[in-house]
PDB file of N, CA and C in Angstrom:
ATOM      1  N   MET A   1     -84.191  25.087  27.211  1.00  0.00           N
ATOM      2  CA  MET A   1     -84.266  23.792  27.873  1.00  0.00           C
ATOM      3  C   MET A   1     -82.929  23.079  27.677  1.00  0.00           C
ATOM      4  N   ALA A   2     -82.297  22.706  28.753  1.00  0.00           N
ATOM      5  CA  ALA A   2     -81.047  21.949  28.663  1.00  0.00           C
ATOM      6  C   ALA A   2     -81.234  20.569  29.281  1.00  0.00           C
ATOM      7  N   ILE A   3     -81.717  20.516  30.520  1.00  0.00           N
ATOM      8  CA  ILE A   3     -81.930  19.255  31.224  1.00  0.00           C
ATOM      9  C   ILE A   3     -83.321  19.289  31.845  1.00  0.00           C
ATOM     10  N   VAL A   4     -84.167  18.358  31.436  1.00  0.00           N
ATOM     11  CA  VAL A   4     -85.536  18.311  31.949  1.00  0.00           C
ATOM     12  C   VAL A   4     -85.849  16.881  32.368  1.00  0.00           C
ATOM     13  N   LEU A   5     -86.390  16.730  33.571  1.00  0.00           N
ATOM     14  CA  LEU A   5     -86.830  15.427  34.067  1.00  0.00           C
ATOM     15  C   LEU A   5     -88.339  15.350  33.941  1.00  0.00           C
ATOM     16  N   GLU A   6     -88.812  14.321  33.257  1.00  0.00           N
ATOM     17  CA  GLU A   6     -90.243  14.099  33.077  1.00  0.00           C
ATOM     18  C   GLU A   6     -90.619  12.823  33.827  1.00  0.00           C
ATOM     19  N   HIS A   7     -91.510  12.967  34.812  1.00  0.00           N
ATOM     20  CA  HIS A   7     -91.999  11.819  35.571  1.00  0.00           C
ATOM     21  C   HIS A   7     -93.210  11.257  34.832  1.00  0.00           C
ATOM     22  N   CYS A   8     -93.106  10.042  34.352  1.00  0.00           N
ATOM     23  CA  CYS A   8     -94.210   9.377  33.674  1.00  0.00           C
ATOM     24  C   CYS A   8     -94.684   8.232  34.555  1.00  0.00           C
ATOM     25  N   GLU A   9     -95.827   7.680  34.224  1.00  0.00           N
ATOM     26  CA  GLU A   9     -96.381   6.614  35.048  1.00  0.00           C
ATOM     27  C   GLU A   9     -95.481   5.376  35.071  1.00  0.00           C
ATOM     28  N   GLY A  10     -94.976   4.970  33.923  1.00  0.00           N
ATOM     29  CA  GLY A  10     -94.191   3.744  33.867  1.00  0.00           C
ATOM     30  C   GLY A  10     -92.692   3.930  33.871  1.00  0.00           C
ATOM     31  N   ALA A  11     -92.235   5.163  33.702  1.00  0.00           N
ATOM     32  CA  ALA A  11     -90.795   5.410  33.626  1.00  0.00           C
ATOM     33  C   ALA A  11     -90.526   6.891  33.870  1.00  0.00           C
ATOM     34  N   ASN A  12     -89.271   7.199  34.072  1.00  0.00           N
ATOM     35  CA  ASN A  12     -88.824   8.587  34.115  1.00  0.00           C
ATOM     36  C   ASN A  12     -88.011   8.850  32.861  1.00  0.00           C
ATOM     37  N   ALA A  13     -88.093  10.079  32.358  1.00  0.00           N
ATOM     38  CA  ALA A  13     -87.338  10.442  31.170  1.00  0.00           C
ATOM     39  C   ALA A  13     -86.565  11.725  31.435  1.00  0.00           C
ATOM     40  N   ILE A  14     -85.290  11.686  31.098  1.00  0.00           N
ATOM     41  CA  ILE A  14     -84.463  12.885  31.156  1.00  0.00           C
ATOM     42  C   ILE A  14     -84.221  13.317  29.722  1.00  0.00           C
ATOM     43  N   HIS A  15     -84.535  14.569  29.426  1.00  0.00           N
ATOM     44  CA  HIS A  15     -84.339  15.124  28.093  1.00  0.00           C
ATOM     45  C   HIS A  15     -83.155  16.081  28.139  1.00  0.00           C
ATOM     46  N   LEU A  16     -82.186  15.857  27.262  1.00  0.00           N
ATOM     47  CA  LEU A  16     -81.023  16.730  27.161  1.00  0.00           C
ATOM     48  C   LEU A  16     -81.071  17.458  25.825  1.00  0.00           C
ATOM     49  N   GLU A  17     -80.748  18.736  25.862  1.00  0.00           N
ATOM     50  CA  GLU A  17     -80.744  19.526  24.638  1.00  0.00           C
ATOM     51  C   GLU A  17     -79.653  20.573  24.721  1.00  0.00           C
ATOM     52  N   GLY A  18     -78.979  20.783  23.615  1.00  0.00           N
ATOM     53  CA  GLY A  18     -77.924  21.793  23.565  1.00  0.00           C
ATOM     54  C   GLY A  18     -76.616  21.250  24.109  1.00  0.00           C
ATOM     55  N   VAL A  19     -75.753  22.146  24.526  1.00  0.00           N
ATOM     56  CA  VAL A  19     -74.443  21.772  25.037  1.00  0.00           C
ATOM     57  C   VAL A  19     -74.578  21.364  26.504  1.00  0.00           C
ATOM     58  N   ILE A  20     -74.231  20.119  26.790  1.00  0.00           N
ATOM     59  CA  ILE A  20     -74.229  19.614  28.159  1.00  0.00           C
ATOM     60  C   ILE A  20     -72.760  19.467  28.540  1.00  0.00           C
ATOM     61  N   ASP A  21     -72.294  20.387  29.385  1.00  0.00           N
ATOM     62  CA  ASP A  21     -70.874  20.407  29.728  1.00  0.00           C
ATOM     63  C   ASP A  21     -70.694  20.581  31.228  1.00  0.00           C
ATOM     64  N   ILE A  22     -69.483  20.878  31.625  1.00  0.00           N
ATOM     65  CA  ILE A  22     -69.158  20.962  33.049  1.00  0.00           C
ATOM     66  C   ILE A  22     -70.010  21.998  33.785  1.00  0.00           C
ATOM     67  N   SER A  23     -70.452  23.023  33.088  1.00  0.00           N
ATOM     68  CA  SER A  23     -71.275  24.045  33.745  1.00  0.00           C
ATOM     69  C   SER A  23     -72.639  23.494  34.166  1.00  0.00           C
ATOM     70  N   LEU A  24     -73.064  22.379  33.558  1.00  0.00           N
ATOM     71  CA  LEU A  24     -74.347  21.751  33.890  1.00  0.00           C
ATOM     72  C   LEU A  24     -74.176  20.429  34.629  1.00  0.00           C
ATOM     73  N   ALA A  25     -72.948  20.075  34.981  1.00  0.00           N
ATOM     74  CA  ALA A  25     -72.675  18.775  35.601  1.00  0.00           C
ATOM     75  C   ALA A  25     -73.451  18.587  36.899  1.00  0.00           C
ATOM     76  N   SER A  26     -73.481  19.583  37.740  1.00  0.00           N
ATOM     77  CA  SER A  26     -74.181  19.463  39.020  1.00  0.00           C
ATOM     78  C   SER A  26     -75.684  19.267  38.805  1.00  0.00           C
ATOM     79  N   GLU A  27     -76.258  20.031  37.899  1.00  0.00           N
ATOM     80  CA  GLU A  27     -77.687  19.902  37.582  1.00  0.00           C
ATOM     81  C   GLU A  27     -77.988  18.533  36.977  1.00  0.00           C
ATOM     82  N   PHE A  28     -77.139  18.075  36.063  1.00  0.00           N
ATOM     83  CA  PHE A  28     -77.319  16.773  35.421  1.00  0.00           C
ATOM     84  C   PHE A  28     -77.275  15.662  36.477  1.00  0.00           C
ATOM     85  N   LYS A  29     -76.272  15.713  37.357  1.00  0.00           N
ATOM     86  CA  LYS A  29     -76.142  14.696  38.396  1.00  0.00           C
ATOM     87  C   LYS A  29     -77.357  14.697  39.323  1.00  0.00           C
ATOM     88  N   ALA A  30     -77.794  15.863  39.760  1.00  0.00           N
ATOM     89  CA  ALA A  30     -78.955  15.954  40.650  1.00  0.00           C
ATOM     90  C   ALA A  30     -80.211  15.408  39.978  1.00  0.00           C
ATOM     91  N   THR A  31     -80.365  15.672  38.694  1.00  0.00           N
ATOM     92  CA  THR A  31     -81.522  15.181  37.944  1.00  0.00           C
ATOM     93  C   THR A  31     -81.498  13.663  37.858  1.00  0.00           C
ATOM     94  N   VAL A  32     -80.336  13.105  37.581  1.00  0.00           N
ATOM     95  CA  VAL A  32     -80.187  11.647  37.506  1.00  0.00           C
ATOM     96  C   VAL A  32     -80.510  11.013  38.855  1.00  0.00           C
ATOM     97  N   LEU A  33     -79.950  11.556  39.925  1.00  0.00           N
ATOM     98  CA  LEU A  33     -80.189  10.991  41.257  1.00  0.00           C
ATOM     99  C   LEU A  33     -81.666  11.049  41.629  1.00  0.00           C
ATOM    100  N   GLU A  34     -82.329  12.150  41.289  1.00  0.00           N
ATOM    101  CA  GLU A  34     -83.760  12.261  41.562  1.00  0.00           C
ATOM    102  C   GLU A  34     -84.536  11.201  40.771  1.00  0.00           C
ATOM    103  N   ALA A  35     -84.184  11.011  39.520  1.00  0.00           N
ATOM    104  CA  ALA A  35     -84.875  10.029  38.681  1.00  0.00           C
ATOM    105  C   ALA A  35     -84.661   8.610  39.192  1.00  0.00           C
ATOM    106  N   LEU A  36     -83.462   8.298  39.638  1.00  0.00           N
ATOM    107  CA  LEU A  36     -83.160   6.939  40.096  1.00  0.00           C
ATOM    108  C   LEU A  36     -83.837   6.612  41.423  1.00  0.00           C
ATOM    109  N   LYS A  37     -84.158   7.626  42.228  1.00  0.00           N
ATOM    110  CA  LYS A  37     -84.794   7.386  43.529  1.00  0.00           C
ATOM    111  C   LYS A  37     -86.121   6.647  43.405  1.00  0.00           C
ATOM    112  N   SER A  38     -86.822   6.845  42.312  1.00  0.00           N
ATOM    113  CA  SER A  38     -88.147   6.243  42.155  1.00  0.00           C
ATOM    114  C   SER A  38     -88.088   4.764  41.804  1.00  0.00           C
ATOM    115  N   ALA A  39     -86.924   4.276  41.367  1.00  0.00           N
ATOM    116  CA  ALA A  39     -86.718   2.887  40.935  1.00  0.00           C
ATOM    117  C   ALA A  39     -87.502   2.539  39.673  1.00  0.00           C
ATOM    118  N   LYS A  40     -88.072   3.542  38.997  1.00  0.00           N
ATOM    119  CA  LYS A  40     -88.741   3.316  37.717  1.00  0.00           C
ATOM    120  C   LYS A  40     -87.681   3.242  36.618  1.00  0.00           C
ATOM    121  N   PRO A  41     -87.996   2.590  35.500  1.00  0.00           N
ATOM    122  CA  PRO A  41     -87.064   2.612  34.368  1.00  0.00           C
ATOM    123  C   PRO A  41     -86.713   4.061  34.010  1.00  0.00           C
ATOM    124  N   LEU A  42     -85.489   4.243  33.557  1.00  0.00           N
ATOM    125  CA  LEU A  42     -84.997   5.571  33.209  1.00  0.00           C
ATOM    126  C   LEU A  42     -84.637   5.620  31.736  1.00  0.00           C
ATOM    127  N   ARG A  43     -85.185   6.588  31.050  1.00  0.00           N
ATOM    128  CA  ARG A  43     -84.901   6.812  29.638  1.00  0.00           C
ATOM    129  C   ARG A  43     -84.216   8.164  29.500  1.00  0.00           C
ATOM    130  N   LEU A  44     -83.210   8.222  28.647  1.00  0.00           N
ATOM    131  CA  LEU A  44     -82.486   9.460  28.400  1.00  0.00           C
ATOM    132  C   LEU A  44     -82.660   9.818  26.936  1.00  0.00           C
ATOM    133  N   ALA A  45     -83.257  10.961  26.674  1.00  0.00           N
ATOM    134  CA  ALA A  45     -83.502  11.417  25.305  1.00  0.00           C
ATOM    135  C   ALA A  45     -82.539  12.546  24.967  1.00  0.00           C
ATOM    136  N   LEU A  46     -81.904  12.411  23.818  1.00  0.00           N
ATOM    137  CA  LEU A  46     -80.961  13.416  23.346  1.00  0.00           C
ATOM    138  C   LEU A  46     -81.554  14.105  22.122  1.00  0.00           C
ATOM    139  N   ASN A  47     -81.646  15.419  22.160  1.00  0.00           N
ATOM    140  CA  ASN A  47     -82.122  16.186  21.021  1.00  0.00           C
ATOM    141  C   ASN A  47     -81.042  16.191  19.952  1.00  0.00           C
ATOM    142  N   GLU A  48     -81.437  16.422  18.714  1.00  0.00           N
ATOM    143  CA  GLU A  48     -80.472  16.416  17.605  1.00  0.00           C
ATOM    144  C   GLU A  48     -79.352  17.440  17.772  1.00  0.00           C
ATOM    145  N   ASP A  49     -79.576  18.496  18.539  1.00  0.00           N
ATOM    146  CA  ASP A  49     -78.514  19.491  18.717  1.00  0.00           C
ATOM    147  C   ASP A  49     -77.757  19.304  20.030  1.00  0.00           C
ATOM    148  N   THR A  50     -77.899  18.136  20.642  1.00  0.00           N
ATOM    149  CA  THR A  50     -77.197  17.869  21.893  1.00  0.00           C
ATOM    150  C   THR A  50     -75.713  17.635  21.634  1.00  0.00           C
ATOM    151  N   ASP A  51     -74.901  18.245  22.451  1.00  0.00           N
ATOM    152  CA  ASP A  51     -73.454  18.075  22.382  1.00  0.00           C
ATOM    153  C   ASP A  51     -72.962  17.788  23.795  1.00  0.00           C
ATOM    154  N   LEU A  52     -72.268  16.674  23.966  1.00  0.00           N
ATOM    155  CA  LEU A  52     -71.810  16.263  25.295  1.00  0.00           C
ATOM    156  C   LEU A  52     -70.302  16.426  25.411  1.00  0.00           C
ATOM    157  N   ASP A  53     -69.844  17.008  26.511  1.00  0.00           N
ATOM    158  CA  ASP A  53     -68.404  17.058  26.751  1.00  0.00           C
ATOM    159  C   ASP A  53     -68.007  15.854  27.602  1.00  0.00           C
ATOM    160  N   VAL A  54     -66.752  15.775  27.959  1.00  0.00           N
ATOM    161  CA  VAL A  54     -66.236  14.622  28.703  1.00  0.00           C
ATOM    162  C   VAL A  54     -66.929  14.478  30.061  1.00  0.00           C
ATOM    163  N   THR A  55     -67.292  15.597  30.675  1.00  0.00           N
ATOM    164  CA  THR A  55     -67.994  15.542  31.959  1.00  0.00           C
ATOM    165  C   THR A  55     -69.354  14.869  31.800  1.00  0.00           C
ATOM    166  N   ALA A  56     -70.080  15.231  30.758  1.00  0.00           N
ATOM    167  CA  ALA A  56     -71.390  14.629  30.504  1.00  0.00           C
ATOM    168  C   ALA A  56     -71.252  13.148  30.180  1.00  0.00           C
ATOM    169  N   ILE A  57     -70.214  12.778  29.432  1.00  0.00           N
ATOM    170  CA  ILE A  57     -69.970  11.366  29.116  1.00  0.00           C
ATOM    171  C   ILE A  57     -69.705  10.594  30.412  1.00  0.00           C
ATOM    172  N   GLN A  58     -68.902  11.171  31.300  1.00  0.00           N
ATOM    173  CA  GLN A  58     -68.630  10.516  32.590  1.00  0.00           C
ATOM    174  C   GLN A  58     -69.914  10.346  33.399  1.00  0.00           C
ATOM    175  N   LEU A  59     -70.788  11.341  33.362  1.00  0.00           N
ATOM    176  CA  LEU A  59     -72.057  11.240  34.083  1.00  0.00           C
ATOM    177  C   LEU A  59     -72.972  10.189  33.456  1.00  0.00           C
ATOM    178  N   LEU A  60     -72.944  10.054  32.136  1.00  0.00           N
ATOM    179  CA  LEU A  60     -73.709   8.979  31.488  1.00  0.00           C
ATOM    180  C   LEU A  60     -73.203   7.618  31.944  1.00  0.00           C
ATOM    181  N   TRP A  61     -71.880   7.468  31.991  1.00  0.00           N
ATOM    182  CA  TRP A  61     -71.289   6.207  32.438  1.00  0.00           C
ATOM    183  C   TRP A  61     -71.695   5.925  33.886  1.00  0.00           C
ATOM    184  N   ALA A  62     -71.620   6.944  34.743  1.00  0.00           N
ATOM    185  CA  ALA A  62     -71.999   6.769  36.141  1.00  0.00           C
ATOM    186  C   ALA A  62     -73.490   6.465  36.275  1.00  0.00           C
ATOM    187  N   THR A  63     -74.309   7.074  35.429  1.00  0.00           N
ATOM    188  CA  THR A  63     -75.752   6.797  35.438  1.00  0.00           C
ATOM    189  C   THR A  63     -76.015   5.347  35.091  1.00  0.00           C
ATOM    190  N   GLU A  64     -75.358   4.873  34.042  1.00  0.00           N
ATOM    191  CA  GLU A  64     -75.529   3.467  33.649  1.00  0.00           C
ATOM    192  C   GLU A  64     -75.112   2.541  34.793  1.00  0.00           C
ATOM    193  N   ARG A  65     -73.986   2.829  35.401  1.00  0.00           N
ATOM    194  CA  ARG A  65     -73.468   1.999  36.489  1.00  0.00           C
ATOM    195  C   ARG A  65     -74.400   2.018  37.702  1.00  0.00           C
ATOM    196  N   GLU A  66     -74.863   3.205  38.080  1.00  0.00           N
ATOM    197  CA  GLU A  66     -75.747   3.334  39.242  1.00  0.00           C
ATOM    198  C   GLU A  66     -77.117   2.700  38.972  1.00  0.00           C
ATOM    199  N   ALA A  67     -77.619   2.852  37.766  1.00  0.00           N
ATOM    200  CA  ALA A  67     -78.897   2.220  37.415  1.00  0.00           C
ATOM    201  C   ALA A  67     -78.777   0.702  37.508  1.00  0.00           C
ATOM    202  N   LYS A  68     -77.697   0.177  36.993  1.00  0.00           N
ATOM    203  CA  LYS A  68     -77.478  -1.278  37.051  1.00  0.00           C
ATOM    204  C   LYS A  68     -77.383  -1.744  38.502  1.00  0.00           C
ATOM    205  N   ALA A  69     -76.647  -1.028  39.334  1.00  0.00           N
ATOM    206  CA  ALA A  69     -76.493  -1.395  40.744  1.00  0.00           C
ATOM    207  C   ALA A  69     -77.822  -1.300  41.496  1.00  0.00           C
ATOM    208  N   SER A  70     -78.709  -0.424  41.021  1.00  0.00           N
ATOM    209  CA  SER A  70     -80.010  -0.235  41.667  1.00  0.00           C
ATOM    210  C   SER A  70     -81.113  -1.060  41.005  1.00  0.00           C
ATOM    211  N   ASN A  71     -80.735  -1.909  40.044  1.00  0.00           N
ATOM    212  CA  ASN A  71     -81.709  -2.705  39.288  1.00  0.00           C
ATOM    213  C   ASN A  71     -82.759  -1.839  38.597  1.00  0.00           C
ATOM    214  N   VAL A  72     -82.307  -0.715  38.054  1.00  0.00           N
ATOM    215  CA  VAL A  72     -83.181   0.181  37.302  1.00  0.00           C
ATOM    216  C   VAL A  72     -82.821   0.048  35.827  1.00  0.00           C
ATOM    217  N   ASP A  73     -83.827  -0.206  35.003  1.00  0.00           N
ATOM    218  CA  ASP A  73     -83.624  -0.299  33.556  1.00  0.00           C
ATOM    219  C   ASP A  73     -83.259   1.091  33.030  1.00  0.00           C
ATOM    220  N   PHE A  74     -82.162   1.182  32.282  1.00  0.00           N
ATOM    221  CA  PHE A  74     -81.698   2.465  31.744  1.00  0.00           C
ATOM    222  C   PHE A  74     -81.365   2.309  30.277  1.00  0.00           C
ATOM    223  N   MET A  75     -81.868   3.252  29.461  1.00  0.00           N
ATOM    224  CA  MET A  75     -81.591   3.195  28.029  1.00  0.00           C
ATOM    225  C   MET A  75     -81.708   4.588  27.420  1.00  0.00           C
ATOM    226  N   LEU A  76     -80.908   4.827  26.396  1.00  0.00           N
ATOM    227  CA  LEU A  76     -81.088   6.035  25.600  1.00  0.00           C
ATOM    228  C   LEU A  76     -82.354   5.841  24.784  1.00  0.00           C
ATOM    229  N   GLU A  77     -83.097   6.917  24.580  1.00  0.00           N
ATOM    230  CA  GLU A  77     -84.385   6.836  23.902  1.00  0.00           C
ATOM    231  C   GLU A  77     -84.381   7.724  22.666  1.00  0.00           C
ATOM    232  N   GLY A  78     -85.035   7.261  21.620  1.00  0.00           N
ATOM    233  CA  GLY A  78     -85.128   8.049  20.401  1.00  0.00           C
ATOM    234  C   GLY A  78     -83.832   8.009  19.625  1.00  0.00           C
ATOM    235  N   SER A  79     -83.706   8.949  18.717  1.00  0.00           N
ATOM    236  CA  SER A  79     -82.500   8.976  17.892  1.00  0.00           C
ATOM    237  C   SER A  79     -81.349   9.607  18.674  1.00  0.00           C
ATOM    238  N   VAL A  80     -80.185   9.108  18.418  1.00  0.00           N
ATOM    239  CA  VAL A  80     -78.968   9.629  19.045  1.00  0.00           C
ATOM    240  C   VAL A  80     -78.199  10.371  17.955  1.00  0.00           C
ATOM    241  N   PRO A  81     -77.910  11.646  18.171  1.00  0.00           N
ATOM    242  CA  PRO A  81     -77.168  12.404  17.166  1.00  0.00           C
ATOM    243  C   PRO A  81     -75.861  11.685  16.785  1.00  0.00           C
ATOM    244  N   ASP A  82     -75.516  11.742  15.508  1.00  0.00           N
ATOM    245  CA  ASP A  82     -74.299  11.075  15.039  1.00  0.00           C
ATOM    246  C   ASP A  82     -73.066  11.505  15.823  1.00  0.00           C
ATOM    247  N   SER A  83     -72.975  12.794  16.136  1.00  0.00           N
ATOM    248  CA  SER A  83     -71.800  13.279  16.874  1.00  0.00           C
ATOM    249  C   SER A  83     -71.730  12.657  18.267  1.00  0.00           C
ATOM    250  N   VAL A  84     -72.897  12.459  18.895  1.00  0.00           N
ATOM    251  CA  VAL A  84     -72.929  11.850  20.226  1.00  0.00           C
ATOM    252  C   VAL A  84     -72.601  10.366  20.123  1.00  0.00           C
ATOM    253  N   SER A  85     -73.147   9.681  19.110  1.00  0.00           N
ATOM    254  CA  SER A  85     -72.834   8.259  18.914  1.00  0.00           C
ATOM    255  C   SER A  85     -71.334   8.053  18.739  1.00  0.00           C
ATOM    256  N   LYS A  86     -70.719   8.917  17.931  1.00  0.00           N
ATOM    257  CA  LYS A  86     -69.281   8.813  17.710  1.00  0.00           C
ATOM    258  C   LYS A  86     -68.510   9.079  18.998  1.00  0.00           C
ATOM    259  N   THR A  87     -68.920  10.105  19.747  1.00  0.00           N
ATOM    260  CA  THR A  87     -68.252  10.428  21.011  1.00  0.00           C
ATOM    261  C   THR A  87     -68.367   9.271  21.991  1.00  0.00           C
ATOM    262  N   LEU A  88     -69.565   8.675  22.098  1.00  0.00           N
ATOM    263  CA  LEU A  88     -69.763   7.544  23.006  1.00  0.00           C
ATOM    264  C   LEU A  88     -68.904   6.360  22.589  1.00  0.00           C
ATOM    265  N   LYS A  89     -68.883   6.074  21.286  1.00  0.00           N
ATOM    266  CA  LYS A  89     -68.079   4.954  20.794  1.00  0.00           C
ATOM    267  C   LYS A  89     -66.589   5.213  21.050  1.00  0.00           C
ATOM    268  N   ASP A  90     -66.133   6.442  20.764  1.00  0.00           N
ATOM    269  CA  ASP A  90     -64.729   6.797  20.996  1.00  0.00           C
ATOM    270  C   ASP A  90     -64.360   6.697  22.473  1.00  0.00           C
ATOM    271  N   ALA A  91     -65.351   6.892  23.346  1.00  0.00           N
ATOM    272  CA  ALA A  91     -65.112   6.820  24.791  1.00  0.00           C
ATOM    273  C   ALA A  91     -65.229   5.394  25.324  1.00  0.00           C
ATOM    274  N   GLY A  92     -65.529   4.426  24.442  1.00  0.00           N
ATOM    275  CA  GLY A  92     -65.577   3.032  24.863  1.00  0.00           C
ATOM    276  C   GLY A  92     -66.954   2.516  25.222  1.00  0.00           C
ATOM    277  N   PHE A  93     -68.001   3.190  24.775  1.00  0.00           N
ATOM    278  CA  PHE A  93     -69.359   2.783  25.108  1.00  0.00           C
ATOM    279  C   PHE A  93     -69.996   1.936  24.004  1.00  0.00           C
ATOM    280  N   GLU A  94     -69.258   0.982  23.456  1.00  0.00           N
ATOM    281  CA  GLU A  94     -69.838   0.128  22.422  1.00  0.00           C
ATOM    282  C   GLU A  94     -71.047  -0.627  22.956  1.00  0.00           C
ATOM    283  N   ARG A  95     -71.050  -0.942  24.234  1.00  0.00           N
ATOM    284  CA  ARG A  95     -72.140  -1.700  24.812  1.00  0.00           C
ATOM    285  C   ARG A  95     -73.199  -0.807  25.436  1.00  0.00           C
ATOM    286  N   PHE A  96     -73.046   0.515  25.292  1.00  0.00           N
ATOM    287  CA  PHE A  96     -73.988   1.435  25.901  1.00  0.00           C
ATOM    288  C   PHE A  96     -75.381   1.175  25.326  1.00  0.00           C
ATOM    289  N   PRO A  97     -76.416   1.189  26.173  1.00  0.00           N
ATOM    290  CA  PRO A  97     -77.766   0.825  25.739  1.00  0.00           C
ATOM    291  C   PRO A  97     -78.412   1.887  24.856  1.00  0.00           C
ATOM    292  N   VAL A  98     -78.157   1.814  23.558  1.00  0.00           N
ATOM    293  CA  VAL A  98     -78.761   2.767  22.631  1.00  0.00           C
ATOM    294  C   VAL A  98     -79.888   2.090  21.868  1.00  0.00           C
ATOM    295  N   PRO A  99     -80.883   2.871  21.438  1.00  0.00           N
ATOM    296  CA  PRO A  99     -81.998   2.283  20.702  1.00  0.00           C
ATOM    297  C   PRO A  99     -81.565   1.793  19.331  1.00  0.00           C
ATOM    298  N   VAL A 100     -82.305   0.842  18.797  1.00  0.00           N
ATOM    299  CA  VAL A 100     -82.008   0.295  17.468  1.00  0.00           C
ATOM    300  C   VAL A 100     -82.829   1.033  16.441  1.00  0.00           C
TER     301      VAL A 100
END
């Protein structure tokens, strides 16, 4: 399992696991676009072994931007691996919607 979209009654959830890199960029983008079409809140869950490359970080940024433009609530869900938190912070995502 690398990228899975779960349609729930009140929200959609995208689950990422393993290495999410340029080889999965097209699949990741298509999954995000499908999730945003419903206008339901979007949650992104990262497994503890998730590793994001620069392409995945760019897609996260674009997801946040597109969700905001579409008035869709978007947030990371669950725990965020330390390596991903550091990568997001290093990429300038201090304001990125992460769980507390």
